[in-house]
Amino acid sequence: MKWIVFEENPKPDQYIAVVALEEGRILASQRNPHSIFKSKEEALIRANQLREQYGVKRVRIFYSEGNSAIL
């Protein structure tokens, strides 16, 4: 599994976006900049840093099956 954290200012959205993809899958979005992590824990550490930096309340994880979870 790879974890992609979007580094850009999330506003007007009120969350930092994280996408979870199986290895070998390609992200269709061309949104930049982003970071790729090998573990969920590493991705959430970075996402929480960005959450504080941009002053948003949540982190939202998007899964390849179409589900999402708000943390």
PDB file of N, CA and C in Angstrom:
ATOM      1  N   MET A   1       0.860  -1.169   0.000  1.00  0.00           N
ATOM      2  CA  MET A   1       0.000   0.000   0.000  1.00  0.00           C
ATOM      3  C   MET A   1       0.906   1.232   0.000  1.00  0.00           C
ATOM      4  N   LYS A   2       0.523   2.243  -0.769  1.00  0.00           N
ATOM      5  CA  LYS A   2       1.223   3.520  -0.706  1.00  0.00           C
ATOM      6  C   LYS A   2       0.221   4.598  -0.296  1.00  0.00           C
ATOM      7  N   TRP A   3       0.744   5.586   0.398  1.00  0.00           N
ATOM      8  CA  TRP A   3      -0.082   6.642   0.978  1.00  0.00           C
ATOM      9  C   TRP A   3       0.375   7.977   0.418  1.00  0.00           C
ATOM     10  N   ILE A   4      -0.534   8.711  -0.221  1.00  0.00           N
ATOM     11  CA  ILE A   4      -0.203   9.977  -0.869  1.00  0.00           C
ATOM     12  C   ILE A   4      -0.851  11.111  -0.091  1.00  0.00           C
ATOM     13  N   VAL A   5      -0.035  12.076   0.316  1.00  0.00           N
ATOM     14  CA  VAL A   5      -0.522  13.237   1.060  1.00  0.00           C
ATOM     15  C   VAL A   5      -0.394  14.447   0.148  1.00  0.00           C
ATOM     16  N   PHE A   6      -1.499  15.140  -0.080  1.00  0.00           N
ATOM     17  CA  PHE A   6      -1.458  16.351  -0.896  1.00  0.00           C
ATOM     18  C   PHE A   6      -0.985  17.515  -0.036  1.00  0.00           C
ATOM     19  N   GLU A   7       0.062  18.178  -0.491  1.00  0.00           N
ATOM     20  CA  GLU A   7       0.762  19.196   0.286  1.00  0.00           C
ATOM     21  C   GLU A   7       0.218  20.611   0.082  1.00  0.00           C
ATOM     22  N   GLU A   8      -0.645  20.809  -0.888  1.00  0.00           N
ATOM     23  CA  GLU A   8      -1.110  22.159  -1.209  1.00  0.00           C
ATOM     24  C   GLU A   8      -2.118  22.682  -0.185  1.00  0.00           C
ATOM     25  N   ASN A   9      -2.312  23.976  -0.189  1.00  0.00           N
ATOM     26  CA  ASN A   9      -3.305  24.602   0.683  1.00  0.00           C
ATOM     27  C   ASN A   9      -4.669  23.995   0.365  1.00  0.00           C
ATOM     28  N   PRO A  10      -5.338  23.412   1.335  1.00  0.00           N
ATOM     29  CA  PRO A  10      -6.586  22.703   1.063  1.00  0.00           C
ATOM     30  C   PRO A  10      -7.812  23.589   0.908  1.00  0.00           C
ATOM     31  N   LYS A  11      -7.719  24.860   1.252  1.00  0.00           N
ATOM     32  CA  LYS A  11      -8.907  25.705   1.248  1.00  0.00           C
ATOM     33  C   LYS A  11      -9.394  25.941  -0.167  1.00  0.00           C
ATOM     34  N   PRO A  12     -10.710  25.879  -0.408  1.00  0.00           N
ATOM     35  CA  PRO A  12     -11.802  26.010   0.543  1.00  0.00           C
ATOM     36  C   PRO A  12     -12.173  24.708   1.261  1.00  0.00           C
ATOM     37  N   ASP A  13     -11.600  23.564   0.867  1.00  0.00           N
ATOM     38  CA  ASP A  13     -11.875  22.332   1.621  1.00  0.00           C
ATOM     39  C   ASP A  13     -11.313  22.496   3.021  1.00  0.00           C
ATOM     40  N   GLN A  14     -11.937  21.879   3.969  1.00  0.00           N
ATOM     41  CA  GLN A  14     -11.503  22.004   5.360  1.00  0.00           C
ATOM     42  C   GLN A  14     -10.832  20.727   5.858  1.00  0.00           C
ATOM     43  N   TYR A  15     -10.055  20.078   4.975  1.00  0.00           N
ATOM     44  CA  TYR A  15      -9.346  18.877   5.368  1.00  0.00           C
ATOM     45  C   TYR A  15      -8.090  18.703   4.503  1.00  0.00           C
ATOM     46  N   ILE A  16      -7.140  17.973   5.045  1.00  0.00           N
ATOM     47  CA  ILE A  16      -5.957  17.557   4.299  1.00  0.00           C
ATOM     48  C   ILE A  16      -6.294  16.220   3.661  1.00  0.00           C
ATOM     49  N   ALA A  17      -6.073  16.097   2.358  1.00  0.00           N
ATOM     50  CA  ALA A  17      -6.416  14.876   1.639  1.00  0.00           C
ATOM     51  C   ALA A  17      -5.250  13.893   1.635  1.00  0.00           C
ATOM     52  N   VAL A  18      -5.582  12.638   1.959  1.00  0.00           N
ATOM     53  CA  VAL A  18      -4.637  11.525   1.901  1.00  0.00           C
ATOM     54  C   VAL A  18      -5.297  10.447   1.048  1.00  0.00           C
ATOM     55  N   VAL A  19      -4.558   9.888   0.096  1.00  0.00           N
ATOM     56  CA  VAL A  19      -5.099   8.836  -0.770  1.00  0.00           C
ATOM     57  C   VAL A  19      -4.318   7.560  -0.521  1.00  0.00           C
ATOM     58  N   ALA A  20      -5.036   6.462  -0.271  1.00  0.00           N
ATOM     59  CA  ALA A  20      -4.426   5.149  -0.065  1.00  0.00           C
ATOM     60  C   ALA A  20      -4.612   4.324  -1.336  1.00  0.00           C
ATOM     61  N   LEU A  21      -3.494   3.861  -1.903  1.00  0.00           N
ATOM     62  CA  LEU A  21      -3.542   3.064  -3.126  1.00  0.00           C
ATOM     63  C   LEU A  21      -2.719   1.795  -2.966  1.00  0.00           C
ATOM     64  N   GLU A  22      -3.166   0.725  -3.614  1.00  0.00           N
ATOM     65  CA  GLU A  22      -2.372  -0.489  -3.647  1.00  0.00           C
ATOM     66  C   GLU A  22      -1.129  -0.223  -4.483  1.00  0.00           C
ATOM     67  N   GLU A  23      -0.039  -0.933  -4.144  1.00  0.00           N
ATOM     68  CA  GLU A  23       1.180  -0.805  -4.937  1.00  0.00           C
ATOM     69  C   GLU A  23       0.867  -1.131  -6.396  1.00  0.00           C
ATOM     70  N   GLY A  24       1.476  -0.414  -7.294  1.00  0.00           N
ATOM     71  CA  GLY A  24       1.262  -0.646  -8.716  1.00  0.00           C
ATOM     72  C   GLY A  24       0.142   0.184  -9.316  1.00  0.00           C
ATOM     73  N   ARG A  25      -0.739   0.721  -8.495  1.00  0.00           N
ATOM     74  CA  ARG A  25      -1.818   1.580  -9.009  1.00  0.00           C
ATOM     75  C   ARG A  25      -1.283   2.987  -9.190  1.00  0.00           C
ATOM     76  N   ILE A  26      -1.822   3.678 -10.155  1.00  0.00           N
ATOM     77  CA  ILE A  26      -1.391   5.027 -10.476  1.00  0.00           C
ATOM     78  C   ILE A  26      -2.481   6.008 -10.075  1.00  0.00           C
ATOM     79  N   LEU A  27      -2.074   7.113  -9.478  1.00  0.00           N
ATOM     80  CA  LEU A  27      -3.023   8.158  -9.099  1.00  0.00           C
ATOM     81  C   LEU A  27      -3.452   8.906 -10.348  1.00  0.00           C
ATOM     82  N   ALA A  28      -4.747   8.980 -10.599  1.00  0.00           N
ATOM     83  CA  ALA A  28      -5.264   9.624 -11.808  1.00  0.00           C
ATOM     84  C   ALA A  28      -5.177  11.144 -11.732  1.00  0.00           C
ATOM     85  N   SER A  29      -5.243  11.684 -10.537  1.00  0.00           N
ATOM     86  CA  SER A  29      -5.220  13.134 -10.363  1.00  0.00           C
ATOM     87  C   SER A  29      -3.828  13.681 -10.624  1.00  0.00           C
ATOM     88  N   GLN A  30      -3.756  14.876 -11.155  1.00  0.00           N
ATOM     89  CA  GLN A  30      -2.482  15.536 -11.395  1.00  0.00           C
ATOM     90  C   GLN A  30      -2.223  16.635 -10.372  1.00  0.00           C
ATOM     91  N   ARG A  31      -2.922  16.576  -9.240  1.00  0.00           N
ATOM     92  CA  ARG A  31      -2.754  17.595  -8.197  1.00  0.00           C
ATOM     93  C   ARG A  31      -1.325  17.569  -7.679  1.00  0.00           C
ATOM     94  N   ASN A  32      -0.761  18.723  -7.503  1.00  0.00           N
ATOM     95  CA  ASN A  32       0.613  18.836  -6.987  1.00  0.00           C
ATOM     96  C   ASN A  32       0.641  19.917  -5.954  1.00  0.00           C
ATOM     97  N   PRO A  33       1.580  19.996  -5.104  1.00  0.00           N
ATOM     98  CA  PRO A  33       2.580  18.971  -4.820  1.00  0.00           C
ATOM     99  C   PRO A  33       2.015  17.892  -3.905  1.00  0.00           C
ATOM    100  N   HIS A  34       2.723  16.799  -3.820  1.00  0.00           N
ATOM    101  CA  HIS A  34       2.306  15.696  -2.960  1.00  0.00           C
ATOM    102  C   HIS A  34       3.525  14.926  -2.480  1.00  0.00           C
ATOM    103  N   SER A  35       3.327  14.151  -1.425  1.00  0.00           N
ATOM    104  CA  SER A  35       4.362  13.271  -0.884  1.00  0.00           C
ATOM    105  C   SER A  35       3.815  11.858  -0.864  1.00  0.00           C
ATOM    106  N   ILE A  36       4.705  10.880  -1.044  1.00  0.00           N
ATOM    107  CA  ILE A  36       4.305   9.480  -1.031  1.00  0.00           C
ATOM    108  C   ILE A  36       5.008   8.787   0.132  1.00  0.00           C
ATOM    109  N   PHE A  37       4.221   8.028   0.901  1.00  0.00           N
ATOM    110  CA  PHE A  37       4.741   7.314   2.059  1.00  0.00           C
ATOM    111  C   PHE A  37       4.408   5.834   1.938  1.00  0.00           C
ATOM    112  N   LYS A  38       5.202   5.003   2.582  1.00  0.00           N
ATOM    113  CA  LYS A  38       4.981   3.554   2.553  1.00  0.00           C
ATOM    114  C   LYS A  38       4.098   3.072   3.693  1.00  0.00           C
ATOM    115  N   SER A  39       3.866   3.925   4.698  1.00  0.00           N
ATOM    116  CA  SER A  39       3.007   3.501   5.809  1.00  0.00           C
ATOM    117  C   SER A  39       1.962   4.572   6.117  1.00  0.00           C
ATOM    118  N   LYS A  40       0.859   4.106   6.648  1.00  0.00           N
ATOM    119  CA  LYS A  40      -0.228   5.000   7.041  1.00  0.00           C
ATOM    120  C   LYS A  40       0.243   5.947   8.146  1.00  0.00           C
ATOM    121  N   GLU A  41       1.028   5.426   9.081  1.00  0.00           N
ATOM    122  CA  GLU A  41       1.499   6.235  10.206  1.00  0.00           C
ATOM    123  C   GLU A  41       2.338   7.419   9.728  1.00  0.00           C
ATOM    124  N   GLU A  42       3.270   7.158   8.800  1.00  0.00           N
ATOM    125  CA  GLU A  42       4.104   8.241   8.259  1.00  0.00           C
ATOM    126  C   GLU A  42       3.257   9.287   7.541  1.00  0.00           C
ATOM    127  N   ALA A  43       2.286   8.815   6.764  1.00  0.00           N
ATOM    128  CA  ALA A  43       1.413   9.731   6.028  1.00  0.00           C
ATOM    129  C   ALA A  43       0.590  10.589   6.983  1.00  0.00           C
ATOM    130  N   LEU A  44       0.083   9.985   8.059  1.00  0.00           N
ATOM    131  CA  LEU A  44      -0.732  10.751   9.001  1.00  0.00           C
ATOM    132  C   LEU A  44       0.098  11.757   9.795  1.00  0.00           C
ATOM    133  N   ILE A  45       1.344  11.440  10.059  1.00  0.00           N
ATOM    134  CA  ILE A  45       2.213  12.424  10.721  1.00  0.00           C
ATOM    135  C   ILE A  45       2.346  13.651   9.839  1.00  0.00           C
ATOM    136  N   ARG A  46       2.633  13.434   8.546  1.00  0.00           N
ATOM    137  CA  ARG A  46       2.769  14.571   7.623  1.00  0.00           C
ATOM    138  C   ARG A  46       1.436  15.300   7.449  1.00  0.00           C
ATOM    139  N   ALA A  47       0.350  14.567   7.327  1.00  0.00           N
ATOM    140  CA  ALA A  47      -0.967  15.182   7.156  1.00  0.00           C
ATOM    141  C   ALA A  47      -1.321  16.049   8.358  1.00  0.00           C
ATOM    142  N   ASN A  48      -0.995  15.598   9.558  1.00  0.00           N
ATOM    143  CA  ASN A  48      -1.284  16.398  10.749  1.00  0.00           C
ATOM    144  C   ASN A  48      -0.405  17.636  10.836  1.00  0.00           C
ATOM    145  N   GLN A  49       0.828  17.551  10.353  1.00  0.00           N
ATOM    146  CA  GLN A  49       1.678  18.741  10.273  1.00  0.00           C
ATOM    147  C   GLN A  49       1.040  19.771   9.347  1.00  0.00           C
ATOM    148  N   LEU A  50       0.567  19.314   8.198  1.00  0.00           N
ATOM    149  CA  LEU A  50      -0.080  20.213   7.238  1.00  0.00           C
ATOM    150  C   LEU A  50      -1.394  20.754   7.781  1.00  0.00           C
ATOM    151  N   ARG A  51      -2.133  19.920   8.500  1.00  0.00           N
ATOM    152  CA  ARG A  51      -3.396  20.359   9.102  1.00  0.00           C
ATOM    153  C   ARG A  51      -3.144  21.542  10.023  1.00  0.00           C
ATOM    154  N   GLU A  52      -2.130  21.445  10.847  1.00  0.00           N
ATOM    155  CA  GLU A  52      -1.786  22.551  11.748  1.00  0.00           C
ATOM    156  C   GLU A  52      -1.278  23.765  10.971  1.00  0.00           C
ATOM    157  N   GLN A  53      -0.438  23.521   9.971  1.00  0.00           N
ATOM    158  CA  GLN A  53       0.122  24.615   9.170  1.00  0.00           C
ATOM    159  C   GLN A  53      -0.969  25.433   8.478  1.00  0.00           C
ATOM    160  N   TYR A  54      -1.951  24.749   7.905  1.00  0.00           N
ATOM    161  CA  TYR A  54      -3.003  25.432   7.154  1.00  0.00           C
ATOM    162  C   TYR A  54      -4.227  25.777   7.997  1.00  0.00           C
ATOM    163  N   GLY A  55      -4.260  25.346   9.239  1.00  0.00           N
ATOM    164  CA  GLY A  55      -5.358  25.702  10.131  1.00  0.00           C
ATOM    165  C   GLY A  55      -6.682  25.053   9.778  1.00  0.00           C
ATOM    166  N   VAL A  56      -6.643  23.824   9.279  1.00  0.00           N
ATOM    167  CA  VAL A  56      -7.883  23.093   9.007  1.00  0.00           C
ATOM    168  C   VAL A  56      -8.096  22.066  10.111  1.00  0.00           C
ATOM    169  N   LYS A  57      -9.316  21.579  10.225  1.00  0.00           N
ATOM    170  CA  LYS A  57      -9.685  20.752  11.375  1.00  0.00           C
ATOM    171  C   LYS A  57      -9.498  19.254  11.171  1.00  0.00           C
ATOM    172  N   ARG A  58      -9.464  18.796   9.908  1.00  0.00           N
ATOM    173  CA  ARG A  58      -9.529  17.355   9.689  1.00  0.00           C
ATOM    174  C   ARG A  58      -8.510  16.861   8.660  1.00  0.00           C
ATOM    175  N   VAL A  59      -8.294  15.562   8.720  1.00  0.00           N
ATOM    176  CA  VAL A  59      -7.575  14.818   7.695  1.00  0.00           C
ATOM    177  C   VAL A  59      -8.590  13.838   7.120  1.00  0.00           C
ATOM    178  N   ARG A  60      -8.627  13.722   5.795  1.00  0.00           N
ATOM    179  CA  ARG A  60      -9.577  12.803   5.164  1.00  0.00           C
ATOM    180  C   ARG A  60      -8.805  11.819   4.304  1.00  0.00           C
ATOM    181  N   ILE A  61      -9.026  10.535   4.563  1.00  0.00           N
ATOM    182  CA  ILE A  61      -8.361   9.481   3.812  1.00  0.00           C
ATOM    183  C   ILE A  61      -9.323   8.946   2.757  1.00  0.00           C
ATOM    184  N   PHE A  62      -8.859   8.915   1.520  1.00  0.00           N
ATOM    185  CA  PHE A  62      -9.632   8.366   0.408  1.00  0.00           C
ATOM    186  C   PHE A  62      -9.019   7.028   0.019  1.00  0.00           C
ATOM    187  N   TYR A  63      -9.862   5.993  -0.074  1.00  0.00           N
ATOM    188  CA  TYR A  63      -9.413   4.666  -0.438  1.00  0.00           C
ATOM    189  C   TYR A  63      -9.776   4.378  -1.888  1.00  0.00           C
ATOM    190  N   SER A  64      -9.027   3.499  -2.527  1.00  0.00           N
ATOM    191  CA  SER A  64      -9.227   3.218  -3.952  1.00  0.00           C
ATOM    192  C   SER A  64     -10.589   2.594  -4.248  1.00  0.00           C
ATOM    193  N   GLU A  65     -11.226   1.998  -3.251  1.00  0.00           N
ATOM    194  CA  GLU A  65     -12.557   1.409  -3.452  1.00  0.00           C
ATOM    195  C   GLU A  65     -13.652   2.474  -3.529  1.00  0.00           C
ATOM    196  N   GLY A  66     -13.285   3.731  -3.290  1.00  0.00           N
ATOM    197  CA  GLY A  66     -14.263   4.814  -3.307  1.00  0.00           C
ATOM    198  C   GLY A  66     -14.733   5.245  -1.933  1.00  0.00           C
ATOM    199  N   ASN A  67     -14.282   4.586  -0.897  1.00  0.00           N
ATOM    200  CA  ASN A  67     -14.648   4.954   0.465  1.00  0.00           C
ATOM    201  C   ASN A  67     -13.725   6.057   0.961  1.00  0.00           C
ATOM    202  N   SER A  68     -14.163   6.740   1.992  1.00  0.00           N
ATOM    203  CA  SER A  68     -13.301   7.722   2.645  1.00  0.00           C
ATOM    204  C   SER A  68     -13.582   7.719   4.143  1.00  0.00           C
ATOM    205  N   ALA A  69     -12.611   8.209   4.893  1.00  0.00           N
ATOM    206  CA  ALA A  69     -12.748   8.307   6.347  1.00  0.00           C
ATOM    207  C   ALA A  69     -12.216   9.656   6.776  1.00  0.00           C
ATOM    208  N   ILE A  70     -12.965  10.332   7.645  1.00  0.00           N
ATOM    209  CA  ILE A  70     -12.531  11.621   8.176  1.00  0.00           C
ATOM    210  C   ILE A  70     -11.944  11.391   9.562  1.00  0.00           C
ATOM    211  N   LEU A  71     -10.749  11.897   9.772  1.00  0.00           N
ATOM    212  CA  LEU A  71     -10.083  11.752  11.068  1.00  0.00           C
ATOM    213  C   LEU A  71     -10.038  13.086  11.777  1.00  0.00           C
TER     214      LEU A  71
END
